């Protein structure tokens, strides 16, 4: 079973809170037999637009093909001003062509895929962003099973907190093992 995780961190490379949470969840995905690939959106050239193929050549068509080839699609994002990241928004906009297909009376090319949400932040917003992404997934044919979100709000995620990867991982292990296990089990069951 294959999962694609679109990582919406604003950082082009290096450590990020959201990537660390993705890696934490990844250990539980692997225990459920789910192989996963993380696509760091900020590290790719993706032009603005609402179609898979734009006039300017970019990396989106190849990323979209990976989404179509996977059984599970996870959006991972930090919270910024009570919303998902601009990097993730660009992906949502480029997936708009899927919705056009549905409006034209055709089946979604993403129908039957299983979705989930991973969120980090230092203040409120997890429920709102999860709801917005869940609504988007449902609108393009992606199914969200129970327990399909992992949201961690912690002051250690604050912009100036400068927590190390080991500090972040230790916090997740102390407080979110059951949540990560439940999410991985639910995704595997729904995708199986």
N, C-alpha and C. Protein backbone atom coordinates (compact mmCIF):
# COMPACT_ATOMS: atom_id res chain seq x y z
N UNK A 1 0.84 -1.17 0.00
CA UNK A 1 0.00 0.00 0.00
C UNK A 1 0.90 1.24 0.00
N UNK A 2 0.56 2.22 -0.83
CA UNK A 2 1.40 3.42 -0.97
C UNK A 2 0.64 4.66 -0.55
N UNK A 3 1.32 5.52 0.22
CA UNK A 3 0.78 6.82 0.61
C UNK A 3 1.68 7.91 0.07
N UNK A 4 1.06 8.98 -0.40
CA UNK A 4 1.79 10.19 -0.78
C UNK A 4 1.44 11.24 0.27
N UNK A 5 2.46 11.87 0.82
CA UNK A 5 2.26 12.92 1.80
C UNK A 5 2.75 14.23 1.21
N UNK A 6 1.83 15.14 0.97
CA UNK A 6 2.20 16.46 0.48
C UNK A 6 2.54 17.33 1.70
N UNK A 7 3.81 17.64 1.84
CA UNK A 7 4.31 18.39 2.99
C UNK A 7 4.29 19.88 2.67
N UNK A 8 3.46 20.62 3.40
CA UNK A 8 3.27 22.04 3.14
C UNK A 8 4.14 22.96 3.96
N UNK A 9 5.24 22.47 4.53
CA UNK A 9 6.13 23.36 5.26
C UNK A 9 6.61 24.48 4.34
N UNK A 10 6.90 25.64 4.90
CA UNK A 10 7.38 26.75 4.09
C UNK A 10 8.88 26.66 3.84
N UNK A 11 9.53 25.72 4.52
CA UNK A 11 10.98 25.57 4.41
C UNK A 11 11.32 24.66 3.22
N UNK A 12 12.22 25.15 2.35
CA UNK A 12 12.59 24.36 1.18
C UNK A 12 13.41 23.13 1.55
N UNK A 13 14.16 23.20 2.63
CA UNK A 13 14.95 22.05 3.07
C UNK A 13 15.20 22.17 4.56
N UNK A 14 15.74 21.11 5.14
CA UNK A 14 16.06 21.12 6.56
C UNK A 14 14.88 20.68 7.42
N UNK A 15 15.09 20.75 8.72
CA UNK A 15 14.10 20.31 9.70
C UNK A 15 12.90 21.24 9.73
N UNK A 16 11.75 20.65 9.93
CA UNK A 16 10.54 21.44 10.19
C UNK A 16 9.70 20.67 11.19
N UNK A 17 8.89 21.38 11.96
CA UNK A 17 8.01 20.72 12.93
C UNK A 17 7.08 19.74 12.23
N UNK A 18 6.55 20.15 11.09
CA UNK A 18 5.58 19.31 10.39
C UNK A 18 6.25 18.07 9.82
N UNK A 19 7.44 18.22 9.27
CA UNK A 19 8.17 17.05 8.77
C UNK A 19 8.46 16.07 9.90
N UNK A 20 8.83 16.58 11.06
CA UNK A 20 9.11 15.71 12.20
C UNK A 20 7.86 14.95 12.61
N UNK A 21 6.70 15.60 12.61
CA UNK A 21 5.45 14.90 12.93
C UNK A 21 5.11 13.88 11.85
N UNK A 22 5.37 14.19 10.60
CA UNK A 22 5.15 13.24 9.50
C UNK A 22 6.02 12.00 9.72
N UNK A 23 7.28 12.19 10.06
CA UNK A 23 8.19 11.06 10.29
C UNK A 23 7.74 10.24 11.50
N UNK A 24 7.24 10.91 12.52
CA UNK A 24 6.69 10.21 13.70
C UNK A 24 5.53 9.32 13.27
N UNK A 25 4.57 9.88 12.52
CA UNK A 25 3.45 9.08 12.03
C UNK A 25 3.93 7.98 11.09
N UNK A 26 4.96 8.28 10.33
CA UNK A 26 5.49 7.31 9.37
C UNK A 26 5.89 5.99 9.99
N UNK A 27 6.40 6.00 11.22
CA UNK A 27 6.76 4.73 11.87
C UNK A 27 5.52 3.86 12.08
N UNK A 28 4.38 4.49 12.34
CA UNK A 28 3.14 3.74 12.54
C UNK A 28 2.51 3.33 11.21
N UNK A 29 2.70 4.14 10.18
CA UNK A 29 2.24 3.76 8.85
C UNK A 29 2.98 2.50 8.39
N UNK A 30 4.28 2.47 8.59
CA UNK A 30 5.08 1.30 8.19
C UNK A 30 4.64 0.05 8.94
N UNK A 31 4.30 0.19 10.22
CA UNK A 31 3.83 -0.97 10.99
C UNK A 31 2.54 -1.53 10.43
N UNK A 32 1.78 -0.70 9.70
CA UNK A 32 0.52 -1.14 9.07
C UNK A 32 0.74 -1.57 7.62
N UNK A 33 2.00 -1.65 7.20
CA UNK A 33 2.29 -2.06 5.83
C UNK A 33 2.08 -0.97 4.80
N UNK A 34 2.11 0.28 5.24
CA UNK A 34 1.93 1.41 4.33
C UNK A 34 3.28 2.04 4.04
N UNK A 35 3.69 1.94 2.79
CA UNK A 35 4.91 2.60 2.32
C UNK A 35 4.52 4.04 1.99
N UNK A 36 5.37 5.01 2.31
CA UNK A 36 4.99 6.39 2.05
C UNK A 36 6.14 7.18 1.46
N UNK A 37 5.77 8.20 0.70
CA UNK A 37 6.72 9.14 0.12
C UNK A 37 6.28 10.54 0.52
N UNK A 38 7.23 11.32 1.02
CA UNK A 38 6.97 12.70 1.39
C UNK A 38 7.42 13.61 0.24
N UNK A 39 6.50 14.44 -0.23
CA UNK A 39 6.84 15.42 -1.27
C UNK A 39 6.81 16.79 -0.62
N UNK A 40 8.00 17.37 -0.45
CA UNK A 40 8.12 18.69 0.16
C UNK A 40 7.82 19.72 -0.93
N UNK A 41 6.64 20.29 -0.86
CA UNK A 41 6.15 21.18 -1.90
C UNK A 41 7.09 22.37 -2.12
N UNK A 42 7.62 22.95 -1.05
CA UNK A 42 8.49 24.12 -1.18
C UNK A 42 9.77 23.81 -1.96
N UNK A 43 10.12 22.56 -2.06
CA UNK A 43 11.31 22.16 -2.80
C UNK A 43 11.05 21.90 -4.28
N UNK A 44 9.84 22.16 -4.73
CA UNK A 44 9.47 21.92 -6.13
C UNK A 44 9.01 23.21 -6.79
N UNK A 45 9.15 23.24 -8.10
CA UNK A 45 8.67 24.37 -8.90
C UNK A 45 7.23 24.09 -9.30
N UNK A 46 6.30 24.78 -8.64
CA UNK A 46 4.87 24.62 -8.93
C UNK A 46 4.30 26.01 -9.17
N UNK A 47 3.89 26.25 -10.41
CA UNK A 47 3.37 27.58 -10.74
C UNK A 47 1.92 27.71 -10.27
N UNK A 48 1.44 28.92 -10.05
CA UNK A 48 0.03 29.11 -9.69
C UNK A 48 -0.87 28.71 -10.86
N UNK A 49 -2.05 28.21 -10.53
CA UNK A 49 -3.00 27.85 -11.57
C UNK A 49 -4.02 26.85 -11.07
N UNK A 50 -4.96 26.51 -11.94
CA UNK A 50 -6.04 25.60 -11.55
C UNK A 50 -6.16 24.41 -12.49
N UNK A 51 -5.08 24.11 -13.22
CA UNK A 51 -5.08 22.96 -14.12
C UNK A 51 -3.85 22.10 -13.85
N UNK A 52 -3.92 20.85 -14.23
CA UNK A 52 -2.77 19.96 -14.06
C UNK A 52 -1.61 20.44 -14.92
N UNK A 53 -1.88 20.75 -16.16
CA UNK A 53 -0.84 21.22 -17.08
C UNK A 53 -1.08 22.70 -17.37
N UNK A 54 -0.08 23.49 -17.09
CA UNK A 54 -0.16 24.94 -17.33
C UNK A 54 0.71 25.27 -18.54
N UNK A 55 0.64 26.52 -18.98
CA UNK A 55 1.46 26.95 -20.12
C UNK A 55 2.95 26.88 -19.82
N UNK A 56 3.29 27.03 -18.56
CA UNK A 56 4.69 26.96 -18.11
C UNK A 56 4.95 25.56 -17.57
N UNK A 57 6.04 24.95 -18.01
CA UNK A 57 6.39 23.62 -17.53
C UNK A 57 6.81 23.70 -16.07
N UNK A 58 6.24 22.81 -15.23
CA UNK A 58 6.61 22.78 -13.82
C UNK A 58 6.55 21.35 -13.30
N UNK A 59 6.70 21.18 -11.99
CA UNK A 59 6.77 19.85 -11.39
C UNK A 59 5.40 19.25 -11.05
N UNK A 60 4.31 20.04 -11.17
CA UNK A 60 3.02 19.54 -10.71
C UNK A 60 2.54 18.28 -11.45
N UNK A 61 2.62 18.18 -12.76
CA UNK A 61 2.10 16.99 -13.42
C UNK A 61 2.71 15.68 -12.88
N UNK A 62 4.00 15.69 -12.58
CA UNK A 62 4.64 14.49 -12.03
C UNK A 62 4.15 14.21 -10.61
N UNK A 63 3.94 15.27 -9.82
CA UNK A 63 3.41 15.09 -8.47
C UNK A 63 1.98 14.56 -8.54
N UNK A 64 1.18 15.11 -9.43
CA UNK A 64 -0.20 14.65 -9.60
C UNK A 64 -0.24 13.18 -10.00
N UNK A 65 0.68 12.76 -10.84
CA UNK A 65 0.73 11.34 -11.23
C UNK A 65 1.01 10.46 -10.01
N UNK A 66 1.89 10.92 -9.12
CA UNK A 66 2.17 10.16 -7.90
C UNK A 66 0.93 10.07 -7.01
N UNK A 67 0.15 11.16 -6.96
CA UNK A 67 -1.10 11.14 -6.20
C UNK A 67 -2.05 10.11 -6.80
N UNK A 68 -2.16 10.09 -8.13
CA UNK A 68 -3.05 9.14 -8.79
C UNK A 68 -2.60 7.69 -8.59
N UNK A 69 -1.28 7.47 -8.50
CA UNK A 69 -0.74 6.13 -8.34
C UNK A 69 -0.84 5.60 -6.91
N UNK A 70 -1.01 6.50 -5.94
CA UNK A 70 -1.07 6.12 -4.52
C UNK A 70 -2.50 5.75 -4.13
N UNK A 71 -2.61 4.96 -3.07
CA UNK A 71 -3.92 4.63 -2.50
C UNK A 71 -4.34 5.64 -1.43
N UNK A 72 -3.33 6.21 -0.75
CA UNK A 72 -3.58 7.13 0.37
C UNK A 72 -2.93 8.48 0.06
N UNK A 73 -3.68 9.56 0.32
CA UNK A 73 -3.18 10.92 0.12
C UNK A 73 -3.30 11.67 1.44
N UNK A 74 -2.17 12.13 1.96
CA UNK A 74 -2.17 12.88 3.21
C UNK A 74 -1.64 14.29 2.95
N UNK A 75 -2.34 15.27 3.50
CA UNK A 75 -1.89 16.65 3.47
C UNK A 75 -1.29 16.96 4.83
N UNK A 76 -0.06 17.46 4.85
CA UNK A 76 0.62 17.83 6.10
C UNK A 76 0.96 19.31 6.03
N UNK A 77 0.52 20.05 7.06
CA UNK A 77 0.71 21.50 7.01
C UNK A 77 0.92 22.10 8.39
N UNK A 78 1.75 23.13 8.44
CA UNK A 78 1.76 23.95 9.65
C UNK A 78 0.57 24.91 9.60
N UNK A 79 0.19 25.42 10.75
CA UNK A 79 -0.84 26.45 10.81
C UNK A 79 -0.18 27.82 10.71
N UNK A 80 -0.76 28.67 9.87
CA UNK A 80 -0.32 30.06 9.78
C UNK A 80 -1.57 30.92 9.80
N UNK A 81 -1.73 31.71 10.84
CA UNK A 81 -2.87 32.59 10.99
C UNK A 81 -4.18 31.82 10.83
N UNK A 82 -4.25 30.69 11.52
CA UNK A 82 -5.46 29.88 11.59
C UNK A 82 -5.84 29.25 10.24
N UNK A 83 -4.84 29.02 9.39
CA UNK A 83 -5.10 28.40 8.09
C UNK A 83 -3.94 27.49 7.71
N UNK A 84 -4.16 26.69 6.66
CA UNK A 84 -3.08 25.85 6.16
C UNK A 84 -2.07 26.73 5.41
N UNK A 85 -0.93 26.15 5.08
CA UNK A 85 0.14 26.93 4.46
C UNK A 85 -0.16 27.31 3.02
N UNK A 86 0.51 28.33 2.55
CA UNK A 86 0.37 28.76 1.16
C UNK A 86 0.89 27.70 0.21
N UNK A 87 1.87 26.93 0.63
CA UNK A 87 2.39 25.84 -0.21
C UNK A 87 1.31 24.79 -0.45
N UNK A 88 0.59 24.44 0.59
CA UNK A 88 -0.49 23.46 0.44
C UNK A 88 -1.64 24.05 -0.38
N UNK A 89 -1.91 25.33 -0.20
CA UNK A 89 -2.98 25.97 -0.97
C UNK A 89 -2.69 25.89 -2.47
N UNK A 90 -1.44 26.03 -2.85
CA UNK A 90 -1.09 25.94 -4.27
C UNK A 90 -1.45 24.55 -4.82
N UNK A 91 -1.24 23.52 -4.02
CA UNK A 91 -1.61 22.15 -4.44
C UNK A 91 -3.12 22.01 -4.57
N UNK A 92 -3.84 22.56 -3.62
CA UNK A 92 -5.30 22.51 -3.67
C UNK A 92 -5.80 23.19 -4.95
N UNK A 93 -5.22 24.34 -5.26
CA UNK A 93 -5.63 25.05 -6.47
C UNK A 93 -5.31 24.25 -7.73
N UNK A 94 -4.17 23.59 -7.76
CA UNK A 94 -3.81 22.80 -8.94
C UNK A 94 -4.68 21.55 -9.06
N UNK A 95 -5.24 21.08 -7.95
CA UNK A 95 -6.16 19.94 -7.98
C UNK A 95 -7.58 20.34 -8.39
N UNK A 96 -7.81 21.62 -8.62
CA UNK A 96 -9.14 22.10 -8.98
C UNK A 96 -9.65 21.47 -10.28
N UNK A 97 -8.75 21.06 -11.15
CA UNK A 97 -9.16 20.43 -12.41
C UNK A 97 -9.90 19.11 -12.14
N UNK A 98 -9.58 18.45 -11.03
CA UNK A 98 -10.30 17.23 -10.65
C UNK A 98 -11.77 17.57 -10.41
N UNK A 99 -12.01 18.68 -9.72
CA UNK A 99 -13.38 19.12 -9.46
C UNK A 99 -14.10 19.48 -10.77
N UNK A 100 -13.38 20.09 -11.71
CA UNK A 100 -13.96 20.39 -13.03
C UNK A 100 -14.43 19.11 -13.71
N UNK A 101 -13.66 18.04 -13.59
CA UNK A 101 -14.01 16.75 -14.17
C UNK A 101 -15.32 16.24 -13.58
N UNK A 102 -15.45 16.37 -12.27
CA UNK A 102 -16.67 15.92 -11.59
C UNK A 102 -17.86 16.77 -12.03
N UNK A 103 -17.67 18.08 -12.12
CA UNK A 103 -18.75 18.97 -12.56
C UNK A 103 -19.20 18.66 -13.99
N UNK A 104 -18.28 18.12 -14.79
CA UNK A 104 -18.61 17.76 -16.17
C UNK A 104 -19.36 16.42 -16.25
N UNK A 105 -19.62 15.81 -15.09
CA UNK A 105 -20.39 14.56 -15.05
C UNK A 105 -19.56 13.30 -15.13
N UNK A 106 -18.25 13.43 -15.03
CA UNK A 106 -17.36 12.26 -15.08
C UNK A 106 -16.97 11.86 -13.66
N UNK A 107 -16.48 10.63 -13.54
CA UNK A 107 -15.98 10.16 -12.25
C UNK A 107 -14.67 10.87 -11.91
N UNK A 108 -14.45 11.08 -10.63
CA UNK A 108 -13.20 11.67 -10.18
C UNK A 108 -12.05 10.70 -10.43
N UNK A 109 -10.95 11.18 -10.98
CA UNK A 109 -9.77 10.31 -11.12
C UNK A 109 -9.16 9.93 -9.77
N UNK A 110 -9.64 10.56 -8.69
CA UNK A 110 -9.13 10.26 -7.35
C UNK A 110 -10.14 9.47 -6.51
N UNK A 111 -11.25 9.08 -7.13
CA UNK A 111 -12.27 8.32 -6.40
C UNK A 111 -11.69 7.02 -5.88
N UNK A 112 -12.02 6.70 -4.63
CA UNK A 112 -11.53 5.48 -4.01
C UNK A 112 -10.25 5.67 -3.22
N UNK A 113 -9.63 6.83 -3.34
CA UNK A 113 -8.43 7.09 -2.54
C UNK A 113 -8.85 7.46 -1.12
N UNK A 114 -7.96 7.21 -0.19
CA UNK A 114 -8.18 7.47 1.22
C UNK A 114 -7.34 8.67 1.62
N UNK A 115 -7.93 9.61 2.38
CA UNK A 115 -7.22 10.83 2.74
C UNK A 115 -7.05 11.00 4.23
N UNK A 116 -6.14 11.88 4.59
CA UNK A 116 -5.91 12.22 5.98
C UNK A 116 -5.17 13.55 6.09
N UNK A 117 -5.11 14.08 7.31
CA UNK A 117 -4.56 15.41 7.55
C UNK A 117 -3.58 15.36 8.73
N UNK A 118 -2.44 16.02 8.57
CA UNK A 118 -1.43 16.13 9.62
C UNK A 118 -1.15 17.62 9.80
N UNK A 119 -1.24 18.11 11.05
CA UNK A 119 -1.13 19.55 11.30
C UNK A 119 -0.27 19.83 12.52
N UNK A 120 0.59 20.83 12.41
CA UNK A 120 1.34 21.33 13.56
C UNK A 120 1.05 22.83 13.72
N UNK A 121 1.12 23.28 14.96
CA UNK A 121 0.91 24.70 15.23
C UNK A 121 1.16 25.01 16.68
N UNK A 122 1.09 26.28 17.01
CA UNK A 122 1.29 26.68 18.41
C UNK A 122 0.05 27.35 19.00
N UNK A 123 -1.03 27.42 18.22
CA UNK A 123 -2.28 27.99 18.73
C UNK A 123 -3.45 27.32 18.01
N UNK A 124 -4.64 27.79 18.28
CA UNK A 124 -5.84 27.17 17.73
C UNK A 124 -5.84 27.13 16.20
N UNK A 125 -6.67 26.22 15.67
CA UNK A 125 -6.86 26.17 14.23
C UNK A 125 -6.93 24.78 13.65
N UNK A 126 -6.55 23.76 14.42
CA UNK A 126 -6.51 22.40 13.90
C UNK A 126 -7.88 21.97 13.38
N UNK A 127 -8.92 22.20 14.16
CA UNK A 127 -10.25 21.73 13.76
C UNK A 127 -10.72 22.43 12.49
N UNK A 128 -10.51 23.73 12.40
CA UNK A 128 -10.94 24.47 11.22
C UNK A 128 -10.19 24.01 9.98
N UNK A 129 -8.89 23.88 10.06
CA UNK A 129 -8.09 23.47 8.90
C UNK A 129 -8.42 22.03 8.52
N UNK A 130 -8.56 21.16 9.50
CA UNK A 130 -8.94 19.78 9.21
C UNK A 130 -10.28 19.75 8.49
N UNK A 131 -11.24 20.54 8.96
CA UNK A 131 -12.54 20.60 8.32
C UNK A 131 -12.47 21.12 6.90
N UNK A 132 -11.67 22.14 6.66
CA UNK A 132 -11.52 22.69 5.31
C UNK A 132 -10.91 21.67 4.36
N UNK A 133 -9.86 20.99 4.82
CA UNK A 133 -9.21 19.99 3.97
C UNK A 133 -10.14 18.80 3.75
N UNK A 134 -10.85 18.39 4.81
CA UNK A 134 -11.80 17.27 4.67
C UNK A 134 -12.88 17.62 3.64
N UNK A 135 -13.38 18.83 3.68
CA UNK A 135 -14.37 19.28 2.71
C UNK A 135 -13.80 19.22 1.29
N UNK A 136 -12.57 19.68 1.14
CA UNK A 136 -11.93 19.65 -0.18
C UNK A 136 -11.78 18.21 -0.66
N UNK A 137 -11.26 17.34 0.21
CA UNK A 137 -11.09 15.93 -0.17
C UNK A 137 -12.43 15.33 -0.62
N UNK A 138 -13.47 15.55 0.16
CA UNK A 138 -14.79 15.00 -0.19
C UNK A 138 -15.27 15.54 -1.53
N UNK A 139 -14.94 16.78 -1.83
CA UNK A 139 -15.38 17.39 -3.08
C UNK A 139 -14.67 16.85 -4.31
N UNK A 140 -13.48 16.23 -4.11
CA UNK A 140 -12.75 15.69 -5.26
C UNK A 140 -12.71 14.16 -5.25
N UNK A 141 -13.50 13.54 -4.37
CA UNK A 141 -13.64 12.08 -4.41
C UNK A 141 -12.74 11.29 -3.48
N UNK A 142 -12.03 11.95 -2.59
CA UNK A 142 -11.16 11.26 -1.64
C UNK A 142 -11.95 11.01 -0.36
N UNK A 143 -11.91 9.77 0.14
CA UNK A 143 -12.66 9.38 1.33
C UNK A 143 -11.81 9.55 2.58
N UNK A 144 -12.41 10.13 3.62
CA UNK A 144 -11.72 10.26 4.90
C UNK A 144 -12.33 9.29 5.90
N UNK A 145 -11.54 8.32 6.37
CA UNK A 145 -12.04 7.38 7.37
C UNK A 145 -12.01 8.01 8.76
N UNK A 146 -12.57 7.33 9.76
CA UNK A 146 -12.48 7.85 11.13
C UNK A 146 -11.02 7.96 11.57
N UNK A 147 -10.75 8.86 12.47
CA UNK A 147 -9.43 9.04 13.09
C UNK A 147 -8.35 9.35 12.05
N UNK A 148 -8.72 10.11 11.00
CA UNK A 148 -7.79 10.33 9.89
C UNK A 148 -7.01 11.64 10.01
N UNK A 149 -6.97 12.20 11.22
CA UNK A 149 -6.19 13.42 11.38
C UNK A 149 -5.29 13.32 12.61
N UNK A 150 -4.15 13.96 12.50
CA UNK A 150 -3.20 14.04 13.60
C UNK A 150 -2.79 15.50 13.71
N UNK A 151 -3.34 16.19 14.69
CA UNK A 151 -3.05 17.60 14.88
C UNK A 151 -2.40 17.83 16.22
N UNK A 152 -1.26 18.51 16.21
CA UNK A 152 -0.52 18.78 17.44
C UNK A 152 -0.36 20.28 17.62
N UNK A 153 -1.02 20.81 18.64
CA UNK A 153 -0.87 22.21 19.03
C UNK A 153 0.01 22.24 20.27
N UNK A 154 1.11 22.95 20.19
CA UNK A 154 2.07 22.98 21.30
C UNK A 154 2.91 24.25 21.17
N UNK A 155 3.17 24.90 22.30
CA UNK A 155 3.98 26.11 22.26
C UNK A 155 5.40 25.84 21.75
N UNK A 156 5.82 24.58 21.80
CA UNK A 156 7.12 24.20 21.26
C UNK A 156 7.20 24.32 19.75
N UNK A 157 6.05 24.49 19.09
CA UNK A 157 6.03 24.71 17.64
C UNK A 157 6.15 26.18 17.27
N UNK A 158 6.11 27.07 18.24
CA UNK A 158 6.13 28.50 17.95
C UNK A 158 7.36 28.86 17.12
N UNK A 159 7.21 29.88 16.31
CA UNK A 159 8.24 30.29 15.37
C UNK A 159 9.62 30.46 16.02
N UNK A 160 9.68 31.02 17.19
CA UNK A 160 10.97 31.25 17.85
C UNK A 160 11.39 30.18 18.84
N UNK A 161 10.63 29.08 18.94
CA UNK A 161 10.90 28.06 19.96
C UNK A 161 12.19 27.31 19.72
N UNK A 162 12.56 27.09 18.47
CA UNK A 162 13.83 26.45 18.11
C UNK A 162 14.03 25.08 18.77
N UNK A 163 12.98 24.28 18.82
CA UNK A 163 13.11 22.93 19.37
C UNK A 163 13.89 22.06 18.39
N UNK A 164 14.70 21.16 18.93
CA UNK A 164 15.44 20.24 18.08
C UNK A 164 14.52 19.11 17.63
N UNK A 165 14.98 18.37 16.65
CA UNK A 165 14.20 17.23 16.17
C UNK A 165 13.98 16.22 17.29
N UNK A 166 15.00 15.98 18.10
CA UNK A 166 14.85 15.01 19.20
C UNK A 166 13.87 15.52 20.26
N UNK A 167 13.85 16.82 20.52
CA UNK A 167 12.87 17.37 21.47
C UNK A 167 11.45 17.24 20.93
N UNK A 168 11.26 17.53 19.64
CA UNK A 168 9.95 17.36 19.02
C UNK A 168 9.51 15.91 19.06
N UNK A 169 10.40 15.01 18.65
CA UNK A 169 10.07 13.58 18.62
C UNK A 169 9.72 13.07 20.01
N UNK A 170 10.47 13.49 21.02
CA UNK A 170 10.19 13.06 22.40
C UNK A 170 8.81 13.54 22.83
N UNK A 171 8.45 14.77 22.48
CA UNK A 171 7.13 15.29 22.83
C UNK A 171 6.02 14.48 22.15
N UNK A 172 6.20 14.19 20.86
CA UNK A 172 5.20 13.40 20.14
C UNK A 172 5.07 12.00 20.74
N UNK A 173 6.20 11.39 21.09
CA UNK A 173 6.17 10.04 21.68
C UNK A 173 5.50 10.03 23.04
N UNK A 174 5.69 11.09 23.81
CA UNK A 174 5.06 11.16 25.13
C UNK A 174 3.54 11.35 25.04
N UNK A 175 3.09 12.07 24.03
CA UNK A 175 1.70 12.51 24.02
C UNK A 175 0.82 12.03 22.86
N UNK A 176 1.41 11.50 21.80
CA UNK A 176 0.61 11.24 20.60
C UNK A 176 0.75 9.85 20.00
N UNK A 177 1.30 8.91 20.72
CA UNK A 177 1.45 7.55 20.20
C UNK A 177 0.09 6.94 19.86
N UNK A 178 -0.84 7.03 20.79
CA UNK A 178 -2.16 6.42 20.55
C UNK A 178 -2.85 7.06 19.34
N UNK A 179 -2.75 8.38 19.20
CA UNK A 179 -3.35 9.08 18.06
C UNK A 179 -2.73 8.62 16.75
N UNK A 180 -1.40 8.53 16.72
CA UNK A 180 -0.70 8.10 15.50
C UNK A 180 -1.05 6.65 15.15
N UNK A 181 -1.09 5.78 16.17
CA UNK A 181 -1.47 4.38 15.94
C UNK A 181 -2.88 4.29 15.37
N UNK A 182 -3.81 5.03 15.97
CA UNK A 182 -5.20 4.99 15.51
C UNK A 182 -5.32 5.48 14.08
N UNK A 183 -4.61 6.54 13.74
CA UNK A 183 -4.67 7.07 12.39
C UNK A 183 -4.12 6.06 11.40
N UNK A 184 -2.96 5.48 11.69
CA UNK A 184 -2.35 4.50 10.78
C UNK A 184 -3.25 3.28 10.61
N UNK A 185 -3.81 2.79 11.71
CA UNK A 185 -4.70 1.63 11.63
C UNK A 185 -5.94 1.94 10.82
N UNK A 186 -6.52 3.12 11.01
CA UNK A 186 -7.72 3.50 10.27
C UNK A 186 -7.44 3.64 8.78
N UNK A 187 -6.31 4.28 8.44
CA UNK A 187 -5.94 4.42 7.03
C UNK A 187 -5.73 3.06 6.38
N UNK A 188 -5.02 2.17 7.08
CA UNK A 188 -4.78 0.83 6.53
C UNK A 188 -6.08 0.06 6.33
N UNK A 189 -6.95 0.12 7.31
CA UNK A 189 -8.23 -0.59 7.22
C UNK A 189 -9.06 -0.06 6.05
N UNK A 190 -9.15 1.26 5.93
CA UNK A 190 -9.95 1.86 4.86
C UNK A 190 -9.34 1.59 3.49
N UNK A 191 -8.02 1.60 3.41
CA UNK A 191 -7.35 1.40 2.12
C UNK A 191 -7.27 -0.07 1.73
N UNK A 192 -7.37 -0.96 2.74
CA UNK A 192 -7.22 -2.40 2.50
C UNK A 192 -8.43 -3.00 1.85
